[in-house]
């Protein structure tokens, strides 16, 4: 009885370029640019051209012209190959040069050329090694910085709300899109009681890591202030003192803090130099701007503010935003502006808070080609008293 044997599969051959380093003629960064044969052909062609010229000229020695191809080889080829070209060039010169000189002088000339060529290749290789080390160090620092920025972004996201508050009669939706890895915008909605919620939106001057750090301090202070007292004017005063103590005079925070009471159907707010929120009144179809009543936080030790109020009705919509929305520019340099934003709010007033927020962002993104110059934050509050209807896009 014969036993069938499975066919023998050929063994997987190892990659000779990896197993034998000399078969990879180029340096790693050069090898990734293009075909390997092109730099090698350039070096060999240059050596051949110099050898031919050295063979034709009888009056003087052209041995030192070999520095040119050796320099190219030191830049493009691996260290072993670049050094191995030195004796090749000397042998070509010694064999092809037609000049007749004393043997001792010829030996001295070849030795001097060997030392000179070795020195030139060494200097070039040393410079390349230092440049590669510098590039590696810069890349490592860049990677570390990106990791730090990502960590800062994660910490920043911890200050943003993660869920929707369970306040009867209100629909709330918010988002924050930083222009860089981290941003200087902040928003939050903090339930005060069963029928009251506090909404906050803030914008730190500048952007990037410095703005994000000041934003984190602002967010922590606002959450602490909301838990210790409901007086918004006192909250603003405490926040102003805290920001002044940790920031320089060039840094400030625009802030709009509002408190909505669903039982009394009223909104109280303080606007500290922030963009005016838009209050759309469903009954009349008009827009009211919740303008600023005091300077930004962190500019002056004395923050004199006024508390403003407005009545709310079923279907009313309040839209908070930062200047990243209104100052978004298209390719012609035109800003999205408050009028375009007001038009989007009017047309989408029947949408849910979530859909209106998305509609505002998408409209601004289409306007500027999704190229925002600043952080973008949108917070939409819709009053659904008595079960006022909303539609979904």
Protein backbone atom coordinates (compact mmCIF):
# COMPACT_ATOMS: atom_id res chain seq x y z
CA UNK A 1 0.00 0.00 0.00
CA UNK A 2 1.42 3.35 -0.99
CA UNK A 3 0.92 6.42 1.07
CA UNK A 4 0.36 9.64 -0.78
CA UNK A 5 2.68 12.35 0.35
CA UNK A 6 1.68 15.97 0.09
CA UNK A 7 3.61 18.02 -2.41
CA UNK A 8 6.55 19.84 -1.01
CA UNK A 9 6.00 23.55 -0.73
CA UNK A 10 8.97 25.73 -1.53
CA UNK A 11 10.47 27.34 1.51
CA UNK A 12 9.92 31.06 1.79
CA UNK A 13 13.12 32.76 0.81
CA UNK A 14 14.37 35.45 3.12
CA UNK A 15 14.58 39.02 1.95
CA UNK A 16 18.19 39.30 0.83
CA UNK A 17 18.12 43.06 1.14
CA UNK A 18 17.37 42.69 4.85
CA UNK A 19 19.66 39.72 5.53
CA UNK A 20 22.65 41.15 3.67
CA UNK A 21 22.96 44.88 4.42
CA UNK A 22 25.48 45.45 1.63
CA UNK A 23 22.80 44.58 -0.94
CA UNK A 24 20.91 47.71 0.08
CA UNK A 25 23.24 50.37 -1.37
CA UNK A 26 21.39 53.51 -0.31
CA UNK A 27 20.86 55.19 3.02
CA UNK A 28 17.40 54.64 4.50
CA UNK A 29 16.07 58.14 3.91
CA UNK A 30 17.42 58.19 0.33
CA UNK A 31 16.04 54.73 -0.46
CA UNK A 32 12.52 55.88 0.37
CA UNK A 33 12.59 58.69 -2.20
CA UNK A 34 12.87 56.81 -5.50
CA UNK A 35 14.48 53.91 -7.38
CA UNK A 36 17.72 52.62 -5.89
CA UNK A 37 19.54 52.31 -9.20
CA UNK A 38 19.40 56.02 -10.01
CA UNK A 39 21.76 57.31 -7.24
CA UNK A 40 24.11 54.37 -7.81
CA UNK A 41 24.19 55.05 -11.55
CA UNK A 42 24.87 58.74 -10.85
CA UNK A 43 27.86 57.95 -8.63
CA UNK A 44 29.32 55.40 -11.04
CA UNK A 45 28.82 57.70 -14.02
CA UNK A 46 30.56 60.54 -12.19
CA UNK A 47 33.51 58.29 -11.31
CA UNK A 48 33.76 57.14 -14.94
CA UNK A 49 33.67 60.74 -16.19
CA UNK A 50 36.45 61.82 -13.83
CA UNK A 51 38.56 58.74 -14.71
CA UNK A 52 38.18 59.47 -18.41
CA UNK A 53 39.20 63.11 -17.93
CA UNK A 54 42.15 62.01 -15.80
CA UNK A 55 43.21 59.65 -18.60
CA UNK A 56 43.14 62.39 -21.24
CA UNK A 57 45.06 65.11 -19.36
CA UNK A 58 48.83 64.60 -19.34
CA UNK A 59 50.11 67.87 -17.91
CA UNK A 60 48.62 67.72 -14.40
CA UNK A 61 47.09 65.15 -12.09
CA UNK A 62 43.30 65.20 -11.80
CA UNK A 63 43.17 62.79 -8.88
CA UNK A 64 41.46 65.29 -6.61
CA UNK A 65 38.50 65.54 -8.96
CA UNK A 66 37.46 62.20 -7.50
CA UNK A 67 36.35 64.18 -4.41
CA UNK A 68 33.21 65.14 -6.33
CA UNK A 69 31.86 61.57 -6.92
CA UNK A 70 33.08 60.49 -3.49
CA UNK A 71 31.12 63.35 -1.93
CA UNK A 72 27.99 62.34 -3.84
CA UNK A 73 28.52 58.74 -2.75
CA UNK A 74 28.93 59.78 0.89
CA UNK A 75 25.61 61.63 0.70
CA UNK A 76 23.59 58.96 -1.11
CA UNK A 77 25.16 55.58 -0.35
CA UNK A 78 25.56 53.52 2.76
CA UNK A 79 28.65 54.13 4.86
CA UNK A 80 30.35 50.89 3.83
CA UNK A 81 29.93 51.57 0.12
CA UNK A 82 30.92 55.21 0.36
CA UNK A 83 34.24 54.27 2.02
CA UNK A 84 34.83 51.35 -0.36
CA UNK A 85 34.74 53.74 -3.32
CA UNK A 86 37.92 55.45 -2.08
CA UNK A 87 40.37 52.65 -3.07
CA UNK A 88 38.43 52.17 -6.32
CA UNK A 89 39.04 55.79 -7.29
CA UNK A 90 42.71 55.61 -6.32
CA UNK A 91 43.22 52.43 -8.36
CA UNK A 92 41.52 53.99 -11.38
CA UNK A 93 43.73 57.02 -11.12
CA UNK A 94 46.88 54.95 -10.63
CA UNK A 95 46.04 52.62 -13.52
CA UNK A 96 44.56 55.04 -16.08
CA UNK A 97 46.68 58.14 -15.55
CA UNK A 98 49.23 58.23 -18.42
CA UNK A 99 51.69 60.50 -16.60
CA UNK A 100 55.12 58.98 -15.93
CA UNK A 101 56.44 59.91 -12.48
CA UNK A 102 58.88 58.40 -9.98
CA UNK A 103 57.44 55.30 -8.19
CA UNK A 104 58.06 56.80 -4.76
CA UNK A 105 56.30 60.00 -5.74
CA UNK A 106 53.41 57.97 -7.16
CA UNK A 107 53.06 56.07 -3.87
CA UNK A 108 53.18 59.33 -1.91
CA UNK A 109 50.57 60.85 -4.24
CA UNK A 110 48.25 57.84 -3.77
CA UNK A 111 48.65 57.86 0.02
CA UNK A 112 47.96 61.58 0.19
CA UNK A 113 44.89 61.10 -1.98
CA UNK A 114 43.75 58.24 0.28
CA UNK A 115 44.03 60.42 3.38
CA UNK A 116 42.32 63.36 1.69
CA UNK A 117 39.47 61.26 0.33
CA UNK A 118 38.95 59.52 3.67
CA UNK A 119 38.86 62.86 5.48
CA UNK A 120 36.31 64.31 3.05
CA UNK A 121 34.05 61.23 3.24
CA UNK A 122 34.37 61.18 7.04
CA UNK A 123 33.37 64.84 7.37
CA UNK A 124 30.36 64.37 5.09
CA UNK A 125 29.29 61.18 6.84
CA UNK A 126 29.68 62.87 10.23
CA UNK A 127 27.53 65.78 9.11
CA UNK A 128 24.86 63.41 7.78
CA UNK A 129 24.90 61.41 11.02
CA UNK A 130 24.44 64.58 13.08
CA UNK A 131 21.63 65.72 10.81
CA UNK A 132 19.90 62.34 11.12
CA UNK A 133 20.28 62.46 14.90
CA UNK A 134 18.84 65.97 14.95
CA UNK A 135 15.93 64.90 12.74
CA UNK A 136 15.28 61.90 14.99
CA UNK A 137 15.36 64.11 18.08
CA UNK A 138 12.97 66.61 16.52
CA UNK A 139 10.64 63.81 15.47
CA UNK A 140 10.69 62.39 18.99
CA UNK A 141 9.97 65.80 20.48
CA UNK A 142 7.15 66.28 17.98
CA UNK A 143 5.66 62.90 18.90
CA UNK A 144 5.93 63.73 22.60
CA UNK A 145 4.29 67.10 22.00
CA UNK A 146 1.43 65.49 20.07
CA UNK A 147 0.93 63.03 22.92
CA UNK A 148 0.87 65.91 25.41
CA UNK A 149 -1.63 67.80 23.25
CA UNK A 150 -3.82 64.70 22.99
CA UNK A 151 -3.65 64.28 26.77
CA UNK A 152 -4.59 67.94 27.18
CA UNK A 153 -7.50 67.41 24.79
CA UNK A 154 -8.70 64.46 26.85
CA UNK A 155 -8.52 66.53 30.03
CA UNK A 156 -10.34 69.35 28.27
CA UNK A 157 -13.15 67.05 27.18
CA UNK A 158 -13.65 66.06 30.81
CA UNK A 159 -14.95 69.57 31.52
CA UNK A 160 -17.57 69.34 28.78
CA UNK A 161 -20.99 67.79 29.47
CA UNK A 162 -21.31 64.14 28.51
CA UNK A 163 -25.08 63.72 28.70
CA UNK A 164 -28.29 65.68 28.35
CA UNK A 165 -29.89 67.14 31.47
CA UNK A 166 -33.27 65.81 32.54
CA UNK A 167 -35.08 69.12 32.87
CA UNK A 168 -38.74 68.90 31.93
CA UNK A 169 -39.81 71.41 29.30
CA UNK A 170 -36.34 71.95 27.78
CA UNK A 171 -34.35 70.41 24.95
CA UNK A 172 -30.63 71.14 25.17
CA UNK A 173 -27.86 70.25 22.71
CA UNK A 174 -24.28 71.47 22.61
CA UNK A 175 -21.00 70.87 20.80
CA UNK A 176 -17.45 72.18 20.75
CA UNK A 177 -15.09 71.74 17.78
CA UNK A 178 -11.54 73.04 18.43
CA UNK A 179 -9.61 74.58 15.55
CA UNK A 180 -6.49 72.75 16.79
CA UNK A 181 -6.00 69.71 19.01
CA UNK A 182 -7.14 71.73 22.00
CA UNK A 183 -9.20 74.89 22.13
CA UNK A 184 -10.20 77.86 24.22
CA UNK A 185 -13.99 77.46 24.02
CA UNK A 186 -16.13 76.07 26.80
CA UNK A 187 -19.80 75.31 27.33
CA UNK A 188 -21.81 73.52 29.95
CA UNK A 189 -25.31 73.08 31.34
CA UNK A 190 -25.53 72.52 35.06
CA UNK A 191 -28.84 71.48 36.67
CA UNK A 192 -29.59 73.63 39.71
CA UNK A 193 -32.85 72.01 40.70
CA UNK A 194 -35.75 70.03 39.31
CA UNK A 195 -36.95 73.00 37.26
CA UNK A 196 -33.85 75.18 36.91
CA UNK A 197 -30.70 74.82 34.87
CA UNK A 198 -27.67 77.02 34.38
CA UNK A 199 -26.07 77.25 30.92
CA UNK A 200 -22.58 78.60 30.32
CA UNK A 201 -20.63 79.43 27.19
CA UNK A 202 -17.17 81.00 27.23
CA UNK A 203 -14.38 81.88 24.84
CA UNK A 204 -10.77 82.46 25.92
CA UNK A 205 -8.75 84.92 23.88
CA UNK A 206 -6.35 83.16 21.53
CA UNK A 207 -6.28 79.46 20.82
CA UNK A 208 -4.10 76.40 21.28
CA UNK A 209 -2.56 75.14 24.52
CA UNK A 210 -2.41 78.50 26.42
CA UNK A 211 -6.08 79.15 25.72
CA UNK A 212 -6.97 75.57 26.65
CA UNK A 213 -5.23 75.88 30.03
CA UNK A 214 -7.11 79.06 30.86
CA UNK A 215 -10.32 77.46 29.62
CA UNK A 216 -9.80 74.55 32.01
CA UNK A 217 -9.38 76.97 34.91
CA UNK A 218 -12.54 78.79 33.84
CA UNK A 219 -14.50 75.53 33.57
CA UNK A 220 -13.39 74.35 37.01
CA UNK A 221 -14.25 77.71 38.56
CA UNK A 222 -17.70 77.77 36.93
CA UNK A 223 -18.59 74.28 38.12
CA UNK A 224 -17.38 75.12 41.62
CA UNK A 225 -19.30 78.40 41.60
CA UNK A 226 -22.52 76.76 40.47
CA UNK A 227 -22.38 74.30 43.34
CA UNK A 228 -21.66 76.96 45.98
CA UNK A 229 -24.24 79.58 45.07
CA UNK A 230 -26.83 80.53 42.51
CA UNK A 231 -26.11 84.26 42.42
CA UNK A 232 -24.71 84.72 38.91
CA UNK A 233 -23.31 88.18 39.63
CA UNK A 234 -21.30 86.77 42.54
CA UNK A 235 -20.16 83.89 40.33
CA UNK A 236 -18.89 86.36 37.74
CA UNK A 237 -17.11 88.40 40.41
CA UNK A 238 -15.40 85.34 41.88
CA UNK A 239 -14.43 84.11 38.42
CA UNK A 240 -12.99 87.50 37.51
CA UNK A 241 -10.76 87.52 40.60
CA UNK A 242 -9.65 83.96 39.92
CA UNK A 243 -8.77 84.61 36.27
CA UNK A 244 -6.85 87.76 37.19
CA UNK A 245 -4.77 85.78 39.67
CA UNK A 246 -3.70 83.07 37.20
CA UNK A 247 -3.44 84.85 33.84
CA UNK A 248 -1.53 87.73 32.29
CA UNK A 249 -3.20 90.98 31.17
CA UNK A 250 -3.25 89.82 27.55
CA UNK A 251 -5.53 86.90 28.37
CA UNK A 252 -9.21 87.36 29.02
CA UNK A 253 -12.45 85.36 28.83
CA UNK A 254 -15.76 86.32 27.27
CA UNK A 255 -18.60 84.65 29.12
CA UNK A 256 -22.36 84.32 28.88
CA UNK A 257 -24.03 82.64 31.81
CA UNK A 258 -27.79 82.08 31.89
CA UNK A 259 -30.25 80.49 34.30
CA UNK A 260 -33.52 79.09 32.96
CA UNK A 261 -36.46 78.46 35.25
CA UNK A 262 -38.98 76.20 33.50
CA UNK A 263 -41.63 76.69 36.19
CA UNK A 264 -41.58 80.51 35.95
CA UNK A 265 -40.67 80.34 32.26
CA UNK A 266 -38.00 82.97 32.53
CA UNK A 267 -34.33 83.26 31.67
CA UNK A 268 -31.86 85.40 33.65
CA UNK A 269 -28.48 86.02 32.11
CA UNK A 270 -25.22 87.94 32.39
CA UNK A 271 -23.20 88.61 29.24
CA UNK A 272 -19.55 89.47 29.90
CA UNK A 273 -18.33 90.66 26.52
CA UNK A 274 -19.52 87.54 24.72
CA UNK A 275 -21.30 87.27 21.39
CA UNK A 276 -25.00 88.06 21.88
CA UNK A 277 -27.08 84.92 22.17
CA UNK A 278 -30.13 84.75 19.92
CA UNK A 279 -33.58 84.36 21.44
CA UNK A 280 -36.11 83.33 18.79
CA UNK A 281 -39.71 83.89 19.80
CA UNK A 282 -41.94 81.32 18.15
CA UNK A 283 -45.15 83.32 18.63
CA UNK A 284 -43.97 86.45 16.79
CA UNK A 285 -41.12 84.99 14.69
CA UNK A 286 -38.73 87.68 15.92
CA UNK A 287 -35.16 87.43 17.14
CA UNK A 288 -33.90 89.17 20.26
CA UNK A 289 -30.19 89.59 20.95
CA UNK A 290 -28.96 88.93 24.47
CA UNK A 291 -26.27 91.63 24.35
CA UNK A 292 -23.28 92.21 26.59
CA UNK A 293 -23.74 94.21 29.78
CA UNK A 294 -20.18 94.15 31.18
CA UNK A 295 -16.55 93.75 30.01
CA UNK A 296 -14.86 90.36 29.53
CA UNK A 297 -13.54 88.42 32.50
CA UNK A 298 -9.94 89.07 33.51
CA UNK A 299 -9.48 92.61 32.18
CA UNK A 300 -10.24 94.65 35.27
CA UNK A 301 -10.27 93.98 39.03
CA UNK A 302 -13.73 95.51 39.23
CA UNK A 303 -16.37 93.65 37.23
CA UNK A 304 -19.57 95.69 37.30
CA UNK A 305 -22.33 93.67 35.63
CA UNK A 306 -26.07 93.81 35.19
CA UNK A 307 -28.49 90.94 35.39
CA UNK A 308 -30.92 90.82 32.47
CA UNK A 309 -34.09 88.75 32.10
CA UNK A 310 -36.50 87.64 29.41
CA UNK A 311 -39.76 85.71 29.48
CA UNK A 312 -39.99 82.39 27.64
CA UNK A 313 -42.86 80.71 25.85
CA UNK A 314 -43.45 77.32 24.29
CA UNK A 315 -41.42 76.92 21.08
CA UNK A 316 -38.91 79.66 21.90
CA UNK A 317 -35.30 78.86 21.04
CA UNK A 318 -32.12 80.25 22.60
CA UNK A 319 -28.90 79.84 20.60
CA UNK A 320 -25.53 80.42 22.26
CA UNK A 321 -22.39 80.43 20.10
CA UNK A 322 -18.78 81.63 19.92
CA UNK A 323 -17.18 83.86 17.31
CA UNK A 324 -15.78 80.82 15.53
CA UNK A 325 -19.23 80.53 13.93
CA UNK A 326 -19.88 84.13 12.91
CA UNK A 327 -16.26 84.85 11.92
CA UNK A 328 -15.90 81.80 9.66
CA UNK A 329 -14.71 83.09 6.27
CA UNK A 330 -15.29 81.80 2.77
CA UNK A 331 -12.70 81.88 0.00
CA UNK A 332 -13.66 85.50 -0.83
CA UNK A 333 -12.87 86.67 2.71
CA UNK A 334 -16.54 87.18 3.64
CA UNK A 335 -17.61 86.28 7.18
CA UNK A 336 -20.55 84.04 7.94
CA UNK A 337 -21.87 86.81 10.14
CA UNK A 338 -24.73 87.25 12.54
CA UNK A 339 -27.32 87.81 9.82
CA UNK A 340 -26.69 84.45 8.17
CA UNK A 341 -26.75 82.79 11.59
CA UNK A 342 -30.07 84.49 12.38
CA UNK A 343 -31.50 83.22 9.10
CA UNK A 344 -30.49 79.65 9.92
CA UNK A 345 -32.12 79.94 13.36
CA UNK A 346 -35.36 81.31 11.88
CA UNK A 347 -35.59 78.61 9.23
CA UNK A 348 -34.77 75.82 11.68
CA UNK A 349 -36.79 77.02 14.65
CA UNK A 350 -39.21 74.10 14.33
CA UNK A 351 -36.40 71.54 14.48
CA UNK A 352 -35.28 69.81 17.63
CA UNK A 353 -32.41 71.35 19.57
CA UNK A 354 -30.02 68.66 18.34
CA UNK A 355 -31.01 69.06 14.69
CA UNK A 356 -30.85 72.85 14.83
CA UNK A 357 -27.37 72.70 16.36
CA UNK A 358 -26.18 70.35 13.60
CA UNK A 359 -27.84 72.53 10.96
CA UNK A 360 -26.04 75.64 12.21
CA UNK A 361 -22.68 73.91 12.19
CA UNK A 362 -23.15 72.33 8.76
CA UNK A 363 -24.30 75.61 7.22
CA UNK A 364 -21.27 77.47 8.59
CA UNK A 365 -18.97 74.62 7.52
CA UNK A 366 -20.36 74.69 3.98
CA UNK A 367 -19.89 78.46 3.89
CA UNK A 368 -16.20 78.35 4.86
CA UNK A 369 -15.37 75.07 3.13
CA UNK A 370 -15.02 73.28 6.49
CA UNK A 371 -11.96 75.46 7.21
CA UNK A 372 -12.71 77.20 10.49
CA UNK A 373 -10.11 79.68 11.72
CA UNK A 374 -11.21 79.47 15.33
CA UNK A 375 -12.84 77.11 17.79
CA UNK A 376 -16.54 76.53 17.14
CA UNK A 377 -19.01 76.09 19.98
CA UNK A 378 -22.81 75.98 19.67
CA UNK A 379 -25.35 75.52 22.46
CA UNK A 380 -29.05 75.34 21.63
CA UNK A 381 -31.88 75.42 24.19
CA UNK A 382 -35.44 74.86 22.98
CA UNK A 383 -38.45 75.44 25.17
CA UNK A 384 -40.92 72.59 24.83
CA UNK A 385 -43.39 73.74 27.48
CA UNK A 386 -46.80 72.05 27.26
CA UNK A 387 -45.32 69.52 24.85
CA UNK A 388 -44.77 72.03 22.04
CA UNK A 389 -43.98 70.04 18.89
CA UNK A 390 -40.58 69.78 17.25
CA UNK A 391 -39.71 68.16 13.98
CA UNK A 392 -36.70 66.03 13.14
CA UNK A 393 -34.59 66.69 10.10
